[in-house]
């Protein structure tokens, strides 16, 4: 798999350091709130796992699975819920943990969907953000790293369900997905 990577842009060590920094910020903000951390499957699983292990606050973890990419490198723009959360988030503080914000349309969909359940608050935490690709003005509260518009894989991010288990974030060679 590593031979398919054009360039490593975020090392395993850089990810760990940034996850630790994000956990400290979340700990400070949620010290008395017992939030529900919602991991967006499958891409955010490594990030959400590492992040929640670093948090020292009481919390609940839940999972949601959506589809907007399939095996493509671009979002279809149509979001489908494949697995909904099981936790009642009414009057609860919710932290959505995502792997990457590209257009922002999927997160806007999730945010609007959760708003209908009357949570106390909703915050978004993403490992990667592609600010130049946004098509919505959704506020992202915690960002690990800003990245360009290259197609990235690793640390949960995939192409056709491959490369998720790489411990770093890398740019996939164009010939692999074109």
C-alpha atoms as a PDB file:
ATOM      1  CA  UNK A   1       0.000   0.000   0.000  1.00  0.00           C
ATOM      2  CA  UNK A   2       2.798   2.438   0.790  1.00  0.00           C
ATOM      3  CA  UNK A   3       3.997   2.210  -2.799  1.00  0.00           C
ATOM      4  CA  UNK A   4       0.678   3.795  -3.831  1.00  0.00           C
ATOM      5  CA  UNK A   5       1.371   6.914  -1.754  1.00  0.00           C
ATOM      6  CA  UNK A   6       2.820   9.868  -3.615  1.00  0.00           C
ATOM      7  CA  UNK A   7       3.771  11.770  -0.464  1.00  0.00           C
ATOM      8  CA  UNK A   8       3.190  11.589   3.291  1.00  0.00           C
ATOM      9  CA  UNK A   9       1.765  14.946   4.365  1.00  0.00           C
ATOM     10  CA  UNK A  10       1.007  14.278   8.051  1.00  0.00           C
ATOM     11  CA  UNK A  11       3.119  11.816  10.010  1.00  0.00           C
ATOM     12  CA  UNK A  12       1.921   9.394  12.653  1.00  0.00           C
ATOM     13  CA  UNK A  13       3.684  11.479  15.310  1.00  0.00           C
ATOM     14  CA  UNK A  14       2.113  14.746  14.099  1.00  0.00           C
ATOM     15  CA  UNK A  15      -1.317  13.121  14.274  1.00  0.00           C
ATOM     16  CA  UNK A  16      -0.718  11.929  17.837  1.00  0.00           C
ATOM     17  CA  UNK A  17       0.447  15.370  18.984  1.00  0.00           C
ATOM     18  CA  UNK A  18      -2.547  17.107  17.407  1.00  0.00           C
ATOM     19  CA  UNK A  19      -5.025  14.569  18.835  1.00  0.00           C
ATOM     20  CA  UNK A  20      -3.558  15.280  22.290  1.00  0.00           C
ATOM     21  CA  UNK A  21      -3.997  19.049  21.764  1.00  0.00           C
ATOM     22  CA  UNK A  22      -7.606  18.634  20.616  1.00  0.00           C
ATOM     23  CA  UNK A  23      -8.378  16.397  23.615  1.00  0.00           C
ATOM     24  CA  UNK A  24      -7.099  19.073  26.000  1.00  0.00           C
ATOM     25  CA  UNK A  25      -9.368  21.681  24.395  1.00  0.00           C
ATOM     26  CA  UNK A  26     -12.390  19.398  24.552  1.00  0.00           C
ATOM     27  CA  UNK A  27     -11.612  18.396  28.159  1.00  0.00           C
ATOM     28  CA  UNK A  28     -11.549  22.064  29.173  1.00  0.00           C
ATOM     29  CA  UNK A  29     -14.802  22.902  27.415  1.00  0.00           C
ATOM     30  CA  UNK A  30     -16.779  19.822  28.484  1.00  0.00           C
ATOM     31  CA  UNK A  31     -15.505  19.271  32.043  1.00  0.00           C
ATOM     32  CA  UNK A  32     -19.031  19.146  33.547  1.00  0.00           C
ATOM     33  CA  UNK A  33     -21.141  18.225  30.503  1.00  0.00           C
ATOM     34  CA  UNK A  34     -20.931  14.429  29.863  1.00  0.00           C
ATOM     35  CA  UNK A  35     -21.096  14.791  26.061  1.00  0.00           C
ATOM     36  CA  UNK A  36     -22.149  12.215  23.505  1.00  0.00           C
ATOM     37  CA  UNK A  37     -19.278  11.717  21.073  1.00  0.00           C
ATOM     38  CA  UNK A  38     -20.661  10.566  17.727  1.00  0.00           C
ATOM     39  CA  UNK A  39     -18.092   8.884  15.510  1.00  0.00           C
ATOM     40  CA  UNK A  40     -18.936   9.021  11.818  1.00  0.00           C
ATOM     41  CA  UNK A  41     -18.105   5.607  10.418  1.00  0.00           C
ATOM     42  CA  UNK A  42     -15.990   4.322   8.891  1.00  0.00           C
ATOM     43  CA  UNK A  43     -13.398   6.981   8.263  1.00  0.00           C
ATOM     44  CA  UNK A  44     -13.337   8.598  11.695  1.00  0.00           C
ATOM     45  CA  UNK A  45     -12.909   5.381  13.686  1.00  0.00           C
ATOM     46  CA  UNK A  46      -9.146   5.688  14.283  1.00  0.00           C
ATOM     47  CA  UNK A  47      -9.377   9.403  15.062  1.00  0.00           C
ATOM     48  CA  UNK A  48     -12.391   9.014  17.377  1.00  0.00           C
ATOM     49  CA  UNK A  49     -10.773   6.099  19.194  1.00  0.00           C
ATOM     50  CA  UNK A  50      -7.503   7.925  19.787  1.00  0.00           C
ATOM     51  CA  UNK A  51      -9.285  11.159  20.715  1.00  0.00           C
ATOM     52  CA  UNK A  52     -11.647   9.600  23.246  1.00  0.00           C
ATOM     53  CA  UNK A  53      -8.786   7.644  24.843  1.00  0.00           C
ATOM     54  CA  UNK A  54      -7.076  10.987  25.552  1.00  0.00           C
ATOM     55  CA  UNK A  55     -10.188  12.629  27.037  1.00  0.00           C
ATOM     56  CA  UNK A  56     -10.451  12.629  30.836  1.00  0.00           C
ATOM     57  CA  UNK A  57     -14.106  13.692  31.023  1.00  0.00           C
ATOM     58  CA  UNK A  58     -17.127  11.420  31.390  1.00  0.00           C
ATOM     59  CA  UNK A  59     -18.646  10.780  27.962  1.00  0.00           C
ATOM     60  CA  UNK A  60     -20.752   8.430  25.915  1.00  0.00           C
ATOM     61  CA  UNK A  61     -19.759   7.154  22.504  1.00  0.00           C
ATOM     62  CA  UNK A  62     -22.139   6.406  19.663  1.00  0.00           C
ATOM     63  CA  UNK A  63     -21.745   5.744  15.958  1.00  0.00           C
ATOM     64  CA  UNK A  64     -23.399   6.896  12.775  1.00  0.00           C
ATOM     65  CA  UNK A  65     -22.777   5.641   9.274  1.00  0.00           C
ATOM     66  CA  UNK A  66     -23.608   7.647   6.184  1.00  0.00           C
ATOM     67  CA  UNK A  67     -22.891   7.336   2.523  1.00  0.00           C
ATOM     68  CA  UNK A  68     -22.126  10.057   0.025  1.00  0.00           C
ATOM     69  CA  UNK A  69     -18.983   8.802  -1.732  1.00  0.00           C
ATOM     70  CA  UNK A  70     -19.335   5.112  -2.590  1.00  0.00           C
ATOM     71  CA  UNK A  71     -16.071   4.104  -4.276  1.00  0.00           C
ATOM     72  CA  UNK A  72     -15.599   7.502  -5.877  1.00  0.00           C
ATOM     73  CA  UNK A  73     -13.155  10.257  -4.991  1.00  0.00           C
ATOM     74  CA  UNK A  74     -15.912  12.878  -5.037  1.00  0.00           C
ATOM     75  CA  UNK A  75     -19.094  13.110  -2.999  1.00  0.00           C
ATOM     76  CA  UNK A  76     -22.275  12.312  -4.872  1.00  0.00           C
ATOM     77  CA  UNK A  77     -24.021  15.077  -2.920  1.00  0.00           C
ATOM     78  CA  UNK A  78     -26.722  12.641  -1.824  1.00  0.00           C
ATOM     79  CA  UNK A  79     -26.412  11.661   1.838  1.00  0.00           C
ATOM     80  CA  UNK A  80     -27.939   8.412   3.059  1.00  0.00           C
ATOM     81  CA  UNK A  81     -28.047   7.280   6.696  1.00  0.00           C
ATOM     82  CA  UNK A  82     -26.883   3.673   6.829  1.00  0.00           C
ATOM     83  CA  UNK A  83     -26.739   3.455  10.660  1.00  0.00           C
ATOM     84  CA  UNK A  84     -28.317   5.990  12.993  1.00  0.00           C
ATOM     85  CA  UNK A  85     -27.202   6.731  16.546  1.00  0.00           C
ATOM     86  CA  UNK A  86     -28.816   4.772  19.378  1.00  0.00           C
ATOM     87  CA  UNK A  87     -28.451   7.454  22.062  1.00  0.00           C
ATOM     88  CA  UNK A  88     -31.203   9.937  22.841  1.00  0.00           C
ATOM     89  CA  UNK A  89     -29.437  13.292  22.363  1.00  0.00           C
ATOM     90  CA  UNK A  90     -32.305  15.454  23.621  1.00  0.00           C
ATOM     91  CA  UNK A  91     -30.762  18.156  25.862  1.00  0.00           C
ATOM     92  CA  UNK A  92     -27.353  16.477  25.518  1.00  0.00           C
ATOM     93  CA  UNK A  93     -24.101  18.020  24.351  1.00  0.00           C
ATOM     94  CA  UNK A  94     -23.049  16.336  21.121  1.00  0.00           C
ATOM     95  CA  UNK A  95     -19.582  16.258  19.568  1.00  0.00           C
ATOM     96  CA  UNK A  96     -19.567  14.952  15.999  1.00  0.00           C
ATOM     97  CA  UNK A  97     -16.194  13.384  15.154  1.00  0.00           C
ATOM     98  CA  UNK A  98     -15.463  13.239  11.441  1.00  0.00           C
ATOM     99  CA  UNK A  99     -12.412  12.193   9.445  1.00  0.00           C
ATOM    100  CA  UNK A 100     -12.454  14.924   6.813  1.00  0.00           C
ATOM    101  CA  UNK A 101     -14.583  17.893   5.811  1.00  0.00           C
ATOM    102  CA  UNK A 102     -14.568  18.299   2.064  1.00  0.00           C
ATOM    103  CA  UNK A 103     -17.636  20.124   0.733  1.00  0.00           C
ATOM    104  CA  UNK A 104     -19.195  20.226   4.208  1.00  0.00           C
ATOM    105  CA  UNK A 105     -22.523  19.017   2.821  1.00  0.00           C
ATOM    106  CA  UNK A 106     -22.506  15.720   4.743  1.00  0.00           C
ATOM    107  CA  UNK A 107     -21.781  17.478   8.028  1.00  0.00           C
ATOM    108  CA  UNK A 108     -24.443  20.082   7.318  1.00  0.00           C
ATOM    109  CA  UNK A 109     -26.893  17.226   6.765  1.00  0.00           C
ATOM    110  CA  UNK A 110     -25.864  15.562  10.066  1.00  0.00           C
ATOM    111  CA  UNK A 111     -25.978  18.858  11.952  1.00  0.00           C
ATOM    112  CA  UNK A 112     -29.473  19.667  10.638  1.00  0.00           C
ATOM    113  CA  UNK A 113     -30.634  16.112  11.388  1.00  0.00           C
ATOM    114  CA  UNK A 114     -29.336  16.284  14.979  1.00  0.00           C
ATOM    115  CA  UNK A 115     -30.859  19.754  15.512  1.00  0.00           C
ATOM    116  CA  UNK A 116     -34.299  18.135  15.104  1.00  0.00           C
ATOM    117  CA  UNK A 117     -33.556  16.092  18.262  1.00  0.00           C
ATOM    118  CA  UNK A 118     -33.157  19.238  20.425  1.00  0.00           C
ATOM    119  CA  UNK A 119     -29.631  18.714  21.761  1.00  0.00           C
ATOM    120  CA  UNK A 120     -28.151  21.170  24.278  1.00  0.00           C
ATOM    121  CA  UNK A 121     -25.342  21.836  21.788  1.00  0.00           C
ATOM    122  CA  UNK A 122     -23.633  20.401  18.725  1.00  0.00           C
ATOM    123  CA  UNK A 123     -19.939  20.820  18.005  1.00  0.00           C
ATOM    124  CA  UNK A 124     -17.920  19.411  15.143  1.00  0.00           C
ATOM    125  CA  UNK A 125     -14.441  17.941  15.470  1.00  0.00           C
ATOM    126  CA  UNK A 126     -12.634  16.860  12.322  1.00  0.00           C
ATOM    127  CA  UNK A 127      -9.187  15.464  11.773  1.00  0.00           C
ATOM    128  CA  UNK A 128      -8.826  17.090   8.353  1.00  0.00           C
ATOM    129  CA  UNK A 129     -10.450  20.108   6.764  1.00  0.00           C
ATOM    130  CA  UNK A 130     -10.348  21.137   3.115  1.00  0.00           C
ATOM    131  CA  UNK A 131     -11.446  24.784   3.481  1.00  0.00           C
ATOM    132  CA  UNK A 132     -11.081  25.525  -0.238  1.00  0.00           C
ATOM    133  CA  UNK A 133     -13.612  22.794  -1.091  1.00  0.00           C
ATOM    134  CA  UNK A 134     -16.414  23.951   1.247  1.00  0.00           C
ATOM    135  CA  UNK A 135     -19.835  24.504  -0.296  1.00  0.00           C
ATOM    136  CA  UNK A 136     -21.475  25.495   2.988  1.00  0.00           C
ATOM    137  CA  UNK A 137     -20.661  27.895   5.805  1.00  0.00           C
ATOM    138  CA  UNK A 138     -20.909  25.248   8.528  1.00  0.00           C
ATOM    139  CA  UNK A 139     -18.827  26.106  11.605  1.00  0.00           C
ATOM    140  CA  UNK A 140     -16.181  23.547  12.478  1.00  0.00           C
ATOM    141  CA  UNK A 141     -15.235  23.840  16.130  1.00  0.00           C
ATOM    142  CA  UNK A 142     -12.135  21.640  16.332  1.00  0.00           C
ATOM    143  CA  UNK A 143      -9.827  21.058  13.361  1.00  0.00           C
ATOM    144  CA  UNK A 144      -6.812  18.790  13.400  1.00  0.00           C
ATOM    145  CA  UNK A 145      -5.193  19.909  10.160  1.00  0.00           C
ATOM    146  CA  UNK A 146      -6.080  21.926   7.072  1.00  0.00           C
ATOM    147  CA  UNK A 147      -5.216  20.144   3.832  1.00  0.00           C
ATOM    148  CA  UNK A 148      -5.354  21.028   0.156  1.00  0.00           C
ATOM    149  CA  UNK A 149      -7.597  19.454  -2.452  1.00  0.00           C
ATOM    150  CA  UNK A 150      -5.387  16.416  -3.019  1.00  0.00           C
ATOM    151  CA  UNK A 151      -6.963  12.990  -2.531  1.00  0.00           C
ATOM    152  CA  UNK A 152      -5.692  11.800   0.849  1.00  0.00           C
ATOM    153  CA  UNK A 153      -5.801   8.399   2.533  1.00  0.00           C
ATOM    154  CA  UNK A 154      -4.620   6.797   5.752  1.00  0.00           C
ATOM    155  CA  UNK A 155      -5.554   6.925   9.441  1.00  0.00           C
ATOM    156  CA  UNK A 156      -9.124   5.927   8.599  1.00  0.00           C
ATOM    157  CA  UNK A 157      -9.464   7.633   5.223  1.00  0.00           C
ATOM    158  CA  UNK A 158      -9.822   5.276   2.302  1.00  0.00           C
ATOM    159  CA  UNK A 159     -10.124   4.809  -1.391  1.00  0.00           C
ATOM    160  CA  UNK A 160     -12.433   1.899  -2.271  1.00  0.00           C
ATOM    161  CA  UNK A 161     -12.092   0.639   1.338  1.00  0.00           C
ATOM    162  CA  UNK A 162      -8.292   0.414   1.107  1.00  0.00           C
ATOM    163  CA  UNK A 163      -5.517   2.377   2.863  1.00  0.00           C
ATOM    164  CA  UNK A 164      -7.497   3.061   6.084  1.00  0.00           C
ATOM    165  CA  UNK A 165      -4.924   1.250   8.207  1.00  0.00           C
ATOM    166  CA  UNK A 166      -1.955   3.397   7.176  1.00  0.00           C
ATOM    167  CA  UNK A 167      -0.723   5.201  10.327  1.00  0.00           C
ATOM    168  CA  UNK A 168      -0.188   8.510   8.513  1.00  0.00           C
ATOM    169  CA  UNK A 169      -2.032  10.771   6.057  1.00  0.00           C
ATOM    170  CA  UNK A 170      -0.711  10.582   2.525  1.00  0.00           C
ATOM    171  CA  UNK A 171      -1.587  11.739  -0.949  1.00  0.00           C
ATOM    172  CA  UNK A 172      -2.682   8.830  -3.106  1.00  0.00           C
ATOM    173  CA  UNK A 173      -0.986   8.583  -6.484  1.00  0.00           C
ATOM    174  CA  UNK A 174      -3.364   9.788  -9.192  1.00  0.00           C
ATOM    175  CA  UNK A 175      -2.939   6.670 -11.332  1.00  0.00           C
ATOM    176  CA  UNK A 176      -4.476   4.598  -8.508  1.00  0.00           C
ATOM    177  CA  UNK A 177      -7.864   6.327  -8.653  1.00  0.00           C
ATOM    178  CA  UNK A 178      -8.076   7.806 -12.150  1.00  0.00           C
END
